[in-house]
Amino acid sequence: MKKLMLLASLLVVLSVSAQERTQGEKPQKEHSKKNRPTVDDELKRFEGYNLSSSQKQKVRSLLEDREKNFSKNEGKKDQKLKKDKGPKNDDFDSKLEQILDKKQFSQYKQDREKGPKHNHKEQK
């Protein structure tokens, strides 16, 4: 009887332990997605540029396309993503340059060089 209880206890401990590991991995995957800014968060970076409503819609569309491409490529290896990062960023910039006027785009380039956490509201 003692052996049966010991075996049952061991089974319970192992099954609980296995469930905790599985659940522990999920938040890490979700955590990486949470660190990625949403389209709305990225659109806020453009608030200081005095965009017209047409420009805002085009920038939103461009950001959504970039997010879709990122999500589609998320399963690829890090090396491939790092290799592809440059041209895709250049492509994004060239499309953005077509949407923004010269003054807005030069401000965007200056802010991008300062860093991703630069807040345009501080300039006002």
PDB file of N, CA and C in Angstrom:
ATOM      1  N   MET A   1       0.816  -1.189   0.000  1.00  0.00           N
ATOM      2  CA  MET A   1       0.000   0.000   0.000  1.00  0.00           C
ATOM      3  C   MET A   1       0.868   1.266   0.000  1.00  0.00           C
ATOM      4  N   LYS A   2       1.974   1.237   0.750  1.00  0.00           N
ATOM      5  CA  LYS A   2       2.875   2.380   0.805  1.00  0.00           C
ATOM      6  C   LYS A   2       3.498   2.640  -0.564  1.00  0.00           C
ATOM      7  N   LYS A   3       3.841   1.543  -1.271  1.00  0.00           N
ATOM      8  CA  LYS A   3       4.443   1.696  -2.589  1.00  0.00           C
ATOM      9  C   LYS A   3       3.446   2.324  -3.568  1.00  0.00           C
ATOM     10  N   LEU A   4       2.185   1.931  -3.451  1.00  0.00           N
ATOM     11  CA  LEU A   4       1.149   2.472  -4.328  1.00  0.00           C
ATOM     12  C   LEU A   4       0.946   3.972  -4.063  1.00  0.00           C
ATOM     13  N   MET A   5       0.943   4.365  -2.807  1.00  0.00           N
ATOM     14  CA  MET A   5       0.790   5.779  -2.453  1.00  0.00           C
ATOM     15  C   MET A   5       2.007   6.594  -2.920  1.00  0.00           C
ATOM     16  N   LEU A   6       3.187   6.018  -2.759  1.00  0.00           N
ATOM     17  CA  LEU A   6       4.409   6.684  -3.196  1.00  0.00           C
ATOM     18  C   LEU A   6       4.401   6.878  -4.715  1.00  0.00           C
ATOM     19  N   LEU A   7       3.989   5.857  -5.428  1.00  0.00           N
ATOM     20  CA  LEU A   7       3.904   5.928  -6.883  1.00  0.00           C
ATOM     21  C   LEU A   7       2.863   6.967  -7.331  1.00  0.00           C
ATOM     22  N   ALA A   8       1.708   6.995  -6.676  1.00  0.00           N
ATOM     23  CA  ALA A   8       0.665   7.963  -7.005  1.00  0.00           C
ATOM     24  C   ALA A   8       1.152   9.384  -6.719  1.00  0.00           C
ATOM     25  N   SER A   9       1.831   9.569  -5.600  1.00  0.00           N
ATOM     26  CA  SER A   9       2.372  10.898  -5.253  1.00  0.00           C
ATOM     27  C   SER A   9       3.405  11.346  -6.281  1.00  0.00           C
ATOM     28  N   LEU A  10       4.253  10.424  -6.671  1.00  0.00           N
ATOM     29  CA  LEU A  10       5.277  10.737  -7.652  1.00  0.00           C
ATOM     30  C   LEU A  10       4.649  11.125  -8.993  1.00  0.00           C
ATOM     31  N   LEU A  11       3.614  10.428  -9.388  1.00  0.00           N
ATOM     32  CA  LEU A  11       2.909  10.743 -10.627  1.00  0.00           C
ATOM     33  C   LEU A  11       2.285  12.133 -10.575  1.00  0.00           C
ATOM     34  N   VAL A  12       1.677  12.481  -9.464  1.00  0.00           N
ATOM     35  CA  VAL A  12       1.056  13.794  -9.308  1.00  0.00           C
ATOM     36  C   VAL A  12       2.115  14.893  -9.380  1.00  0.00           C
ATOM     37  N   VAL A  13       3.237  14.683  -8.694  1.00  0.00           N
ATOM     38  CA  VAL A  13       4.303  15.675  -8.689  1.00  0.00           C
ATOM     39  C   VAL A  13       4.860  15.871 -10.100  1.00  0.00           C
ATOM     40  N   LEU A  14       5.080  14.791 -10.820  1.00  0.00           N
ATOM     41  CA  LEU A  14       5.605  14.883 -12.175  1.00  0.00           C
ATOM     42  C   LEU A  14       4.633  15.578 -13.119  1.00  0.00           C
ATOM     43  N   SER A  15       3.359  15.270 -13.012  1.00  0.00           N
ATOM     44  CA  SER A  15       2.384  15.892 -13.913  1.00  0.00           C
ATOM     45  C   SER A  15       2.240  17.388 -13.618  1.00  0.00           C
ATOM     46  N   VAL A  16       2.249  17.762 -12.344  1.00  0.00           N
ATOM     47  CA  VAL A  16       2.172  19.184 -11.986  1.00  0.00           C
ATOM     48  C   VAL A  16       3.422  19.907 -12.454  1.00  0.00           C
ATOM     49  N   SER A  17       4.567  19.282 -12.293  1.00  0.00           N
ATOM     50  CA  SER A  17       5.823  19.871 -12.722  1.00  0.00           C
ATOM     51  C   SER A  17       5.842  20.077 -14.236  1.00  0.00           C
ATOM     52  N   ALA A  18       5.363  19.110 -14.977  1.00  0.00           N
ATOM     53  CA  ALA A  18       5.323  19.226 -16.444  1.00  0.00           C
ATOM     54  C   ALA A  18       4.373  20.344 -16.876  1.00  0.00           C
ATOM     55  N   GLN A  19       3.258  20.492 -16.210  1.00  0.00           N
ATOM     56  CA  GLN A  19       2.305  21.553 -16.558  1.00  0.00           C
ATOM     57  C   GLN A  19       2.887  22.928 -16.267  1.00  0.00           C
ATOM     58  N   GLU A  20       3.606  23.064 -15.167  1.00  0.00           N
ATOM     59  CA  GLU A  20       4.198  24.346 -14.813  1.00  0.00           C
ATOM     60  C   GLU A  20       5.242  24.766 -15.834  1.00  0.00           C
ATOM     61  N   ARG A  21       6.024  23.826 -16.335  1.00  0.00           N
ATOM     62  CA  ARG A  21       7.030  24.152 -17.346  1.00  0.00           C
ATOM     63  C   ARG A  21       6.370  24.619 -18.635  1.00  0.00           C
ATOM     64  N   THR A  22       5.332  23.944 -19.068  1.00  0.00           N
ATOM     65  CA  THR A  22       4.632  24.304 -20.288  1.00  0.00           C
ATOM     66  C   THR A  22       4.020  25.691 -20.154  1.00  0.00           C
ATOM     67  N   GLN A  23       3.387  25.969 -19.040  1.00  0.00           N
ATOM     68  CA  GLN A  23       2.773  27.274 -18.834  1.00  0.00           C
ATOM     69  C   GLN A  23       3.829  28.346 -18.652  1.00  0.00           C
ATOM     70  N   GLY A  24       4.971  27.992 -18.114  1.00  0.00           N
ATOM     71  CA  GLY A  24       6.052  28.939 -17.915  1.00  0.00           C
ATOM     72  C   GLY A  24       6.660  29.401 -19.231  1.00  0.00           C
ATOM     73  N   GLU A  25       6.636  28.566 -20.258  1.00  0.00           N
ATOM     74  CA  GLU A  25       7.201  28.924 -21.549  1.00  0.00           C
ATOM     75  C   GLU A  25       6.291  29.884 -22.313  1.00  0.00           C
ATOM     76  N   LYS A  26       5.010  29.756 -22.173  1.00  0.00           N
ATOM     77  CA  LYS A  26       4.074  30.587 -22.932  1.00  0.00           C
ATOM     78  C   LYS A  26       4.226  32.074 -22.639  1.00  0.00           C
ATOM     79  N   PRO A  27       4.307  32.489 -21.384  1.00  0.00           N
ATOM     80  CA  PRO A  27       4.463  33.916 -21.138  1.00  0.00           C
ATOM     81  C   PRO A  27       5.741  34.496 -21.740  1.00  0.00           C
ATOM     82  N   GLN A  28       6.805  33.692 -21.863  1.00  0.00           N
ATOM     83  CA  GLN A  28       8.024  34.206 -22.463  1.00  0.00           C
ATOM     84  C   GLN A  28       7.799  34.544 -23.927  1.00  0.00           C
ATOM     85  N   LYS A  29       7.056  33.699 -24.659  1.00  0.00           N
ATOM     86  CA  LYS A  29       6.763  33.975 -26.052  1.00  0.00           C
ATOM     87  C   LYS A  29       5.875  35.209 -26.163  1.00  0.00           C
ATOM     88  N   GLU A  30       4.878  35.308 -25.306  1.00  0.00           N
ATOM     89  CA  GLU A  30       3.992  36.460 -25.328  1.00  0.00           C
ATOM     90  C   GLU A  30       4.739  37.712 -24.903  1.00  0.00           C
ATOM     91  N   HIS A  31       5.718  37.527 -24.016  1.00  0.00           N
ATOM     92  CA  HIS A  31       6.488  38.657 -23.533  1.00  0.00           C
ATOM     93  C   HIS A  31       7.235  39.325 -24.683  1.00  0.00           C
ATOM     94  N   SER A  32       7.784  38.532 -25.607  1.00  0.00           N
ATOM     95  CA  SER A  32       8.506  39.119 -26.729  1.00  0.00           C
ATOM     96  C   SER A  32       7.565  39.918 -27.619  1.00  0.00           C
ATOM     97  N   LYS A  33       6.318  39.479 -27.754  1.00  0.00           N
ATOM     98  CA  LYS A  33       5.353  40.222 -28.542  1.00  0.00           C
ATOM     99  C   LYS A  33       4.936  41.499 -27.820  1.00  0.00           C
ATOM    100  N   LYS A  34       4.910  41.450 -26.488  1.00  0.00           N
ATOM    101  CA  LYS A  34       4.518  42.641 -25.726  1.00  0.00           C
ATOM    102  C   LYS A  34       5.581  43.725 -25.830  1.00  0.00           C
ATOM    103  N   ASN A  35       6.842  43.328 -25.974  1.00  0.00           N
ATOM    104  CA  ASN A  35       7.907  44.313 -26.103  1.00  0.00           C
ATOM    105  C   ASN A  35       7.845  45.034 -27.439  1.00  0.00           C
ATOM    106  N   ARG A  36       7.220  44.445 -28.406  1.00  0.00           N
ATOM    107  CA  ARG A  36       7.096  45.044 -29.736  1.00  0.00           C
ATOM    108  C   ARG A  36       5.991  46.086 -29.697  1.00  0.00           C
ATOM    109  N   PRO A  37       6.285  47.316 -30.107  1.00  0.00           N
ATOM    110  CA  PRO A  37       5.246  48.357 -30.077  1.00  0.00           C
ATOM    111  C   PRO A  37       4.124  48.060 -31.066  1.00  0.00           C
ATOM    112  N   THR A  38       2.935  48.451 -30.708  1.00  0.00           N
ATOM    113  CA  THR A  38       1.789  48.269 -31.587  1.00  0.00           C
ATOM    114  C   THR A  38       1.812  49.342 -32.676  1.00  0.00           C
ATOM    115  N   VAL A  39       0.959  49.171 -33.661  1.00  0.00           N
ATOM    116  CA  VAL A  39       0.860  50.158 -34.742  1.00  0.00           C
ATOM    117  C   VAL A  39       0.477  51.520 -34.170  1.00  0.00           C
ATOM    118  N   ASP A  40      -0.452  51.520 -33.210  1.00  0.00           N
ATOM    119  CA  ASP A  40      -0.867  52.787 -32.584  1.00  0.00           C
ATOM    120  C   ASP A  40       0.292  53.449 -31.838  1.00  0.00           C
ATOM    121  N   ASP A  41       1.107  52.628 -31.148  1.00  0.00           N
ATOM    122  CA  ASP A  41       2.263  53.181 -30.443  1.00  0.00           C
ATOM    123  C   ASP A  41       3.245  53.805 -31.427  1.00  0.00           C
ATOM    124  N   GLU A  42       3.481  53.118 -32.530  1.00  0.00           N
ATOM    125  CA  GLU A  42       4.405  53.648 -33.520  1.00  0.00           C
ATOM    126  C   GLU A  42       3.836  54.885 -34.204  1.00  0.00           C
ATOM    127  N   LEU A  43       2.533  54.917 -34.389  1.00  0.00           N
ATOM    128  CA  LEU A  43       1.892  56.071 -35.011  1.00  0.00           C
ATOM    129  C   LEU A  43       2.030  57.312 -34.124  1.00  0.00           C
ATOM    130  N   LYS A  44       2.092  57.104 -32.818  1.00  0.00           N
ATOM    131  CA  LYS A  44       2.265  58.224 -31.885  1.00  0.00           C
ATOM    132  C   LYS A  44       3.609  58.920 -32.084  1.00  0.00           C
ATOM    133  N   ARG A  45       4.596  58.169 -32.608  1.00  0.00           N
ATOM    134  CA  ARG A  45       5.903  58.770 -32.881  1.00  0.00           C
ATOM    135  C   ARG A  45       5.795  59.872 -33.929  1.00  0.00           C
ATOM    136  N   PHE A  46       4.753  59.819 -34.737  1.00  0.00           N
ATOM    137  CA  PHE A  46       4.595  60.786 -35.817  1.00  0.00           C
ATOM    138  C   PHE A  46       3.708  61.968 -35.430  1.00  0.00           C
ATOM    139  N   GLU A  47       3.300  62.060 -34.171  1.00  0.00           N
ATOM    140  CA  GLU A  47       2.406  63.132 -33.738  1.00  0.00           C
ATOM    141  C   GLU A  47       3.040  64.512 -33.875  1.00  0.00           C
ATOM    142  N   GLY A  48       4.332  64.611 -33.693  1.00  0.00           N
ATOM    143  CA  GLY A  48       5.011  65.900 -33.745  1.00  0.00           C
ATOM    144  C   GLY A  48       5.264  66.416 -35.149  1.00  0.00           C
ATOM    145  N   TYR A  49       4.867  65.665 -36.157  1.00  0.00           N
ATOM    146  CA  TYR A  49       5.159  66.042 -37.537  1.00  0.00           C
ATOM    147  C   TYR A  49       4.013  66.788 -38.221  1.00  0.00           C
ATOM    148  N   ASN A  50       2.941  67.042 -37.512  1.00  0.00           N
ATOM    149  CA  ASN A  50       1.772  67.730 -38.077  1.00  0.00           C
ATOM    150  C   ASN A  50       1.293  67.079 -39.377  1.00  0.00           C
ATOM    151  N   LEU A  51       1.010  65.792 -39.314  1.00  0.00           N
ATOM    152  CA  LEU A  51       0.557  65.056 -40.490  1.00  0.00           C
ATOM    153  C   LEU A  51      -0.887  65.404 -40.824  1.00  0.00           C
ATOM    154  N   SER A  52      -1.190  65.435 -42.099  1.00  0.00           N
ATOM    155  CA  SER A  52      -2.580  65.606 -42.525  1.00  0.00           C
ATOM    156  C   SER A  52      -3.309  64.282 -42.295  1.00  0.00           C
ATOM    157  N   SER A  53      -4.621  64.292 -42.369  1.00  0.00           N
ATOM    158  CA  SER A  53      -5.368  63.051 -42.154  1.00  0.00           C
ATOM    159  C   SER A  53      -5.028  62.022 -43.229  1.00  0.00           C
ATOM    160  N   SER A  54      -4.786  62.469 -44.428  1.00  0.00           N
ATOM    161  CA  SER A  54      -4.387  61.568 -45.517  1.00  0.00           C
ATOM    162  C   SER A  54      -3.031  60.928 -45.214  1.00  0.00           C
ATOM    163  N   GLN A  55      -2.095  61.743 -44.737  1.00  0.00           N
ATOM    164  CA  GLN A  55      -0.774  61.223 -44.389  1.00  0.00           C
ATOM    165  C   GLN A  55      -0.871  60.225 -43.233  1.00  0.00           C
ATOM    166  N   LYS A  56      -1.703  60.533 -42.239  1.00  0.00           N
ATOM    167  CA  LYS A  56      -1.867  59.619 -41.110  1.00  0.00           C
ATOM    168  C   LYS A  56      -2.375  58.264 -41.567  1.00  0.00           C
ATOM    169  N   GLN A  57      -3.345  58.264 -42.480  1.00  0.00           N
ATOM    170  CA  GLN A  57      -3.887  57.004 -42.985  1.00  0.00           C
ATOM    171  C   GLN A  57      -2.824  56.222 -43.743  1.00  0.00           C
ATOM    172  N   LYS A  58      -2.040  56.908 -44.548  1.00  0.00           N
ATOM    173  CA  LYS A  58      -0.996  56.237 -45.322  1.00  0.00           C
ATOM    174  C   LYS A  58       0.101  55.690 -44.416  1.00  0.00           C
ATOM    175  N   VAL A  59       0.488  56.454 -43.402  1.00  0.00           N
ATOM    176  CA  VAL A  59       1.508  55.995 -42.462  1.00  0.00           C
ATOM    177  C   VAL A  59       0.980  54.799 -41.676  1.00  0.00           C
ATOM    178  N   ARG A  60      -0.273  54.857 -41.248  1.00  0.00           N
ATOM    179  CA  ARG A  60      -0.880  53.728 -40.527  1.00  0.00           C
ATOM    180  C   ARG A  60      -0.858  52.475 -41.409  1.00  0.00           C
ATOM    181  N   SER A  61      -1.233  52.618 -42.653  1.00  0.00           N
ATOM    182  CA  SER A  61      -1.235  51.496 -43.582  1.00  0.00           C
ATOM    183  C   SER A  61       0.172  50.925 -43.754  1.00  0.00           C
ATOM    184  N   LEU A  62       1.149  51.806 -43.868  1.00  0.00           N
ATOM    185  CA  LEU A  62       2.541  51.381 -44.012  1.00  0.00           C
ATOM    186  C   LEU A  62       3.016  50.632 -42.765  1.00  0.00           C
ATOM    187  N   LEU A  63       2.664  51.143 -41.592  1.00  0.00           N
ATOM    188  CA  LEU A  63       3.039  50.480 -40.345  1.00  0.00           C
ATOM    189  C   LEU A  63       2.352  49.121 -40.206  1.00  0.00           C
ATOM    190  N   GLU A  64       1.090  49.037 -40.614  1.00  0.00           N
ATOM    191  CA  GLU A  64       0.366  47.767 -40.552  1.00  0.00           C
ATOM    192  C   GLU A  64       0.992  46.740 -41.491  1.00  0.00           C
ATOM    193  N   ASP A  65       1.388  47.170 -42.670  1.00  0.00           N
ATOM    194  CA  ASP A  65       2.056  46.259 -43.601  1.00  0.00           C
ATOM    195  C   ASP A  65       3.369  45.749 -43.016  1.00  0.00           C
ATOM    196  N   ARG A  66       4.115  46.657 -42.393  1.00  0.00           N
ATOM    197  CA  ARG A  66       5.384  46.252 -41.780  1.00  0.00           C
ATOM    198  C   ARG A  66       5.147  45.266 -40.643  1.00  0.00           C
ATOM    199  N   GLU A  67       4.095  45.491 -39.863  1.00  0.00           N
ATOM    200  CA  GLU A  67       3.771  44.577 -38.760  1.00  0.00           C
ATOM    201  C   GLU A  67       3.380  43.203 -39.295  1.00  0.00           C
ATOM    202  N   LYS A  68       2.607  43.165 -40.392  1.00  0.00           N
ATOM    203  CA  LYS A  68       2.226  41.882 -40.991  1.00  0.00           C
ATOM    204  C   LYS A  68       3.454  41.130 -41.469  1.00  0.00           C
ATOM    205  N   ASN A  69       4.377  41.839 -42.110  1.00  0.00           N
ATOM    206  CA  ASN A  69       5.604  41.201 -42.582  1.00  0.00           C
ATOM    207  C   ASN A  69       6.434  40.687 -41.415  1.00  0.00           C
ATOM    208  N   PHE A  70       6.496  41.439 -40.339  1.00  0.00           N
ATOM    209  CA  PHE A  70       7.241  41.005 -39.167  1.00  0.00           C
ATOM    210  C   PHE A  70       6.615  39.749 -38.574  1.00  0.00           C
ATOM    211  N   SER A  71       5.297  39.750 -38.447  1.00  0.00           N
ATOM    212  CA  SER A  71       4.610  38.592 -37.881  1.00  0.00           C
ATOM    213  C   SER A  71       4.803  37.361 -38.752  1.00  0.00           C
ATOM    214  N   LYS A  72       4.795  37.566 -40.046  1.00  0.00           N
ATOM    215  CA  LYS A  72       4.971  36.453 -40.973  1.00  0.00           C
ATOM    216  C   LYS A  72       6.386  35.891 -40.870  1.00  0.00           C
ATOM    217  N   ASN A  73       7.364  36.754 -40.642  1.00  0.00           N
ATOM    218  CA  ASN A  73       8.763  36.335 -40.578  1.00  0.00           C
ATOM    219  C   ASN A  73       9.229  35.991 -39.175  1.00  0.00           C
ATOM    220  N   GLU A  74       8.355  36.081 -38.196  1.00  0.00           N
ATOM    221  CA  GLU A  74       8.751  35.903 -36.798  1.00  0.00           C
ATOM    222  C   GLU A  74       9.326  34.519 -36.530  1.00  0.00           C
ATOM    223  N   GLY A  75       8.875  33.507 -37.237  1.00  0.00           N
ATOM    224  CA  GLY A  75       9.350  32.149 -37.009  1.00  0.00           C
ATOM    225  C   GLY A  75      10.710  31.866 -37.596  1.00  0.00           C
ATOM    226  N   LYS A  76      11.241  32.764 -38.403  1.00  0.00           N
ATOM    227  CA  LYS A  76      12.541  32.538 -39.033  1.00  0.00           C
ATOM    228  C   LYS A  76      13.666  32.714 -38.029  1.00  0.00           C
ATOM    229  N   LYS A  77      14.819  32.194 -38.394  1.00  0.00           N
ATOM    230  CA  LYS A  77      15.980  32.285 -37.510  1.00  0.00           C
ATOM    231  C   LYS A  77      16.442  33.725 -37.379  1.00  0.00           C
ATOM    232  N   ASP A  78      17.081  34.021 -36.251  1.00  0.00           N
ATOM    233  CA  ASP A  78      17.554  35.378 -35.968  1.00  0.00           C
ATOM    234  C   ASP A  78      18.549  35.870 -37.014  1.00  0.00           C
ATOM    235  N   GLN A  79      19.398  34.998 -37.503  1.00  0.00           N
ATOM    236  CA  GLN A  79      20.384  35.417 -38.496  1.00  0.00           C
ATOM    237  C   GLN A  79      19.710  35.919 -39.759  1.00  0.00           C
ATOM    238  N   LYS A  80      18.696  35.215 -40.194  1.00  0.00           N
ATOM    239  CA  LYS A  80      17.984  35.612 -41.408  1.00  0.00           C
ATOM    240  C   LYS A  80      17.309  36.961 -41.184  1.00  0.00           C
ATOM    241  N   LEU A  81      16.710  37.146 -40.014  1.00  0.00           N
ATOM    242  CA  LEU A  81      16.040  38.407 -39.718  1.00  0.00           C
ATOM    243  C   LEU A  81      17.039  39.563 -39.678  1.00  0.00           C
ATOM    244  N   LYS A  82      18.192  39.345 -39.066  1.00  0.00           N
ATOM    245  CA  LYS A  82      19.200  40.399 -39.005  1.00  0.00           C
ATOM    246  C   LYS A  82      19.695  40.734 -40.401  1.00  0.00           C
ATOM    247  N   LYS A  83      19.840  39.717 -41.230  1.00  0.00           N
ATOM    248  CA  LYS A  83      20.292  39.928 -42.601  1.00  0.00           C
ATOM    249  C   LYS A  83      19.269  40.734 -43.393  1.00  0.00           C
ATOM    250  N   ASP A  84      17.978  40.449 -43.182  1.00  0.00           N
ATOM    251  CA  ASP A  84      16.907  41.109 -43.919  1.00  0.00           C
ATOM    252  C   ASP A  84      16.540  42.473 -43.347  1.00  0.00           C
ATOM    253  N   LYS A  85      16.991  42.782 -42.154  1.00  0.00           N
ATOM    254  CA  LYS A  85      16.536  43.994 -41.476  1.00  0.00           C
ATOM    255  C   LYS A  85      16.899  45.263 -42.233  1.00  0.00           C
ATOM    256  N   GLY A  86      18.115  45.336 -42.756  1.00  0.00           N
ATOM    257  CA  GLY A  86      18.559  46.526 -43.446  1.00  0.00           C
ATOM    258  C   GLY A  86      17.718  46.895 -44.651  1.00  0.00           C
ATOM    259  N   PRO A  87      17.596  46.019 -45.650  1.00  0.00           N
ATOM    260  CA  PRO A  87      16.822  46.375 -46.838  1.00  0.00           C
ATOM    261  C   PRO A  87      15.357  46.669 -46.542  1.00  0.00           C
ATOM    262  N   LYS A  88      14.771  45.937 -45.617  1.00  0.00           N
ATOM    263  CA  LYS A  88      13.365  46.190 -45.300  1.00  0.00           C
ATOM    264  C   LYS A  88      13.206  47.564 -44.670  1.00  0.00           C
ATOM    265  N   ASN A  89      14.158  47.960 -43.837  1.00  0.00           N
ATOM    266  CA  ASN A  89      14.097  49.276 -43.216  1.00  0.00           C
ATOM    267  C   ASN A  89      14.269  50.357 -44.272  1.00  0.00           C
ATOM    268  N   ASP A  90      15.175  50.119 -45.234  1.00  0.00           N
ATOM    269  CA  ASP A  90      15.354  51.076 -46.318  1.00  0.00           C
ATOM    270  C   ASP A  90      14.083  51.191 -47.152  1.00  0.00           C
ATOM    271  N   ASP A  91      13.438  50.058 -47.377  1.00  0.00           N
ATOM    272  CA  ASP A  91      12.187  50.038 -48.134  1.00  0.00           C
ATOM    273  C   ASP A  91      11.116  50.836 -47.388  1.00  0.00           C
ATOM    274  N   PHE A  92      11.039  50.638 -46.088  1.00  0.00           N
ATOM    275  CA  PHE A  92      10.081  51.379 -45.266  1.00  0.00           C
ATOM    276  C   PHE A  92      10.365  52.870 -45.357  1.00  0.00           C
ATOM    277  N   ASP A  93      11.637  53.231 -45.238  1.00  0.00           N
ATOM    278  CA  ASP A  93      12.006  54.648 -45.294  1.00  0.00           C
ATOM    279  C   ASP A  93      11.679  55.262 -46.648  1.00  0.00           C
ATOM    280  N   SER A  94      11.927  54.534 -47.726  1.00  0.00           N
ATOM    281  CA  SER A  94      11.642  55.094 -49.053  1.00  0.00           C
ATOM    282  C   SER A  94      10.135  55.297 -49.239  1.00  0.00           C
ATOM    283  N   LYS A  95       9.333  54.365 -48.732  1.00  0.00           N
ATOM    284  CA  LYS A  95       7.876  54.534 -48.821  1.00  0.00           C
ATOM    285  C   LYS A  95       7.410  55.684 -47.939  1.00  0.00           C
ATOM    286  N   LEU A  96       8.026  55.803 -46.768  1.00  0.00           N
ATOM    287  CA  LEU A  96       7.676  56.885 -45.852  1.00  0.00           C
ATOM    288  C   LEU A  96       8.063  58.241 -46.453  1.00  0.00           C
ATOM    289  N   GLU A  97       9.175  58.275 -47.147  1.00  0.00           N
ATOM    290  CA  GLU A  97       9.628  59.517 -47.769  1.00  0.00           C
ATOM    291  C   GLU A  97       8.628  59.997 -48.830  1.00  0.00           C
ATOM    292  N   GLN A  98       7.949  59.063 -49.477  1.00  0.00           N
ATOM    293  CA  GLN A  98       6.938  59.430 -50.465  1.00  0.00           C
ATOM    294  C   GLN A  98       5.687  60.001 -49.809  1.00  0.00           C
ATOM    295  N   ILE A  99       5.436  59.607 -48.569  1.00  0.00           N
ATOM    296  CA  ILE A  99       4.241  60.071 -47.848  1.00  0.00           C
ATOM    297  C   ILE A  99       4.483  61.430 -47.189  1.00  0.00           C
ATOM    298  N   LEU A 100       5.637  61.580 -46.552  1.00  0.00           N
ATOM    299  CA  LEU A 100       5.942  62.816 -45.823  1.00  0.00           C
ATOM    300  C   LEU A 100       6.527  63.863 -46.753  1.00  0.00           C
ATOM    301  N   ASP A 101       6.395  65.131 -46.368  1.00  0.00           N
ATOM    302  CA  ASP A 101       7.085  66.169 -47.139  1.00  0.00           C
ATOM    303  C   ASP A 101       8.546  66.216 -46.685  1.00  0.00           C
ATOM    304  N   LYS A 102       9.348  67.034 -47.330  1.00  0.00           N
ATOM    305  CA  LYS A 102      10.792  67.055 -47.057  1.00  0.00           C
ATOM    306  C   LYS A 102      11.111  67.419 -45.616  1.00  0.00           C
ATOM    307  N   LYS A 103      10.418  68.410 -45.098  1.00  0.00           N
ATOM    308  CA  LYS A 103      10.667  68.854 -43.720  1.00  0.00           C
ATOM    309  C   LYS A 103      10.302  67.751 -42.720  1.00  0.00           C
ATOM    310  N   GLN A 104       9.158  67.117 -42.937  1.00  0.00           N
ATOM    311  CA  GLN A 104       8.716  66.047 -42.032  1.00  0.00           C
ATOM    312  C   GLN A 104       9.685  64.869 -42.084  1.00  0.00           C
ATOM    313  N   PHE A 105      10.123  64.520 -43.284  1.00  0.00           N
ATOM    314  CA  PHE A 105      11.015  63.367 -43.411  1.00  0.00           C
ATOM    315  C   PHE A 105      12.382  63.658 -42.799  1.00  0.00           C
ATOM    316  N   SER A 106      12.886  64.869 -42.956  1.00  0.00           N
ATOM    317  CA  SER A 106      14.174  65.193 -42.340  1.00  0.00           C
ATOM    318  C   SER A 106      14.056  65.160 -40.815  1.00  0.00           C
ATOM    319  N   GLN A 107      12.920  65.598 -40.289  1.00  0.00           N
ATOM    320  CA  GLN A 107      12.691  65.517 -38.845  1.00  0.00           C
ATOM    321  C   GLN A 107      12.627  64.058 -38.395  1.00  0.00           C
ATOM    322  N   TYR A 108      11.981  63.213 -39.194  1.00  0.00           N
ATOM    323  CA  TYR A 108      11.896  61.776 -38.904  1.00  0.00           C
ATOM    324  C   TYR A 108      13.299  61.169 -38.851  1.00  0.00           C
ATOM    325  N   LYS A 109      14.162  61.505 -39.819  1.00  0.00           N
ATOM    326  CA  LYS A 109      15.520  60.955 -39.838  1.00  0.00           C
ATOM    327  C   LYS A 109      16.309  61.416 -38.620  1.00  0.00           C
ATOM    328  N   GLN A 110      16.155  62.684 -38.246  1.00  0.00           N
ATOM    329  CA  GLN A 110      16.861  63.192 -37.063  1.00  0.00           C
ATOM    330  C   GLN A 110      16.399  62.467 -35.806  1.00  0.00           C
ATOM    331  N   ASP A 111      15.093  62.282 -35.684  1.00  0.00           N
ATOM    332  CA  ASP A 111      14.555  61.619 -34.497  1.00  0.00           C
ATOM    333  C   ASP A 111      14.964  60.155 -34.445  1.00  0.00           C
ATOM    334  N   ARG A 112      15.023  59.513 -35.609  1.00  0.00           N
ATOM    335  CA  ARG A 112      15.412  58.106 -35.658  1.00  0.00           C
ATOM    336  C   ARG A 112      16.860  57.950 -35.224  1.00  0.00           C
ATOM    337  N   GLU A 113      17.711  58.890 -35.595  1.00  0.00           N
ATOM    338  CA  GLU A 113      19.119  58.839 -35.193  1.00  0.00           C
ATOM    339  C   GLU A 113      19.278  59.035 -33.686  1.00  0.00           C
ATOM    340  N   LYS A 114      18.377  59.813 -33.086  1.00  0.00           N
ATOM    341  CA  LYS A 114      18.428  60.034 -31.636  1.00  0.00           C
ATOM    342  C   LYS A 114      18.078  58.777 -30.869  1.00  0.00           C
ATOM    343  N   GLY A 115      17.259  57.912 -31.455  1.00  0.00           N
ATOM    344  CA  GLY A 115      16.907  56.661 -30.810  1.00  0.00           C
ATOM    345  C   GLY A 115      15.430  56.387 -30.871  1.00  0.00           C
ATOM    346  N   PRO A 116      15.046  55.117 -30.707  1.00  0.00           N
ATOM    347  CA  PRO A 116      13.642  54.734 -30.823  1.00  0.00           C
ATOM    348  C   PRO A 116      12.759  55.238 -29.699  1.00  0.00           C
ATOM    349  N   LYS A 117      13.353  55.606 -28.566  1.00  0.00           N
ATOM    350  CA  LYS A 117      12.533  56.022 -27.429  1.00  0.00           C
ATOM    351  C   LYS A 117      12.358  57.530 -27.375  1.00  0.00           C
ATOM    352  N   HIS A 118      12.807  58.212 -28.422  1.00  0.00           N
ATOM    353  CA  HIS A 118      12.671  59.671 -28.465  1.00  0.00           C
ATOM    354  C   HIS A 118      11.199  60.044 -28.499  1.00  0.00           C
ATOM    355  N   ASN A 119      10.814  60.998 -27.688  1.00  0.00           N
ATOM    356  CA  ASN A 119       9.425  61.433 -27.618  1.00  0.00           C
ATOM    357  C   ASN A 119       9.297  62.805 -28.270  1.00  0.00           C
ATOM    358  N   HIS A 120       8.475  62.906 -29.309  1.00  0.00           N
ATOM    359  CA  HIS A 120       8.319  64.151 -30.041  1.00  0.00           C
ATOM    360  C   HIS A 120       7.660  65.245 -29.218  1.00  0.00           C
ATOM    361  N   LYS A 121       6.914  64.899 -28.216  1.00  0.00           N
ATOM    362  CA  LYS A 121       6.232  65.897 -27.402  1.00  0.00           C
ATOM    363  C   LYS A 121       7.235  66.742 -26.619  1.00  0.00           C
ATOM    364  N   GLU A 122       8.448  66.193 -26.376  1.00  0.00           N
ATOM    365  CA  GLU A 122       9.450  66.942 -25.650  1.00  0.00           C
ATOM    366  C   GLU A 122       9.942  68.149 -26.450  1.00  0.00           C
ATOM    367  N   GLN A 123       9.825  68.099 -27.779  1.00  0.00           N
ATOM    368  CA  GLN A 123      10.313  69.179 -28.609  1.00  0.00           C
ATOM    369  C   GLN A 123       9.420  70.395 -28.522  1.00  0.00           C
ATOM    370  N   LYS A 124       8.165  70.227 -28.236  1.00  0.00           N
ATOM    371  CA  LYS A 124       7.195  71.337 -28.234  1.00  0.00           C
ATOM    372  C   LYS A 124       7.399  72.291 -27.091  1.00  0.00           C
TER     373      LYS A 124
END
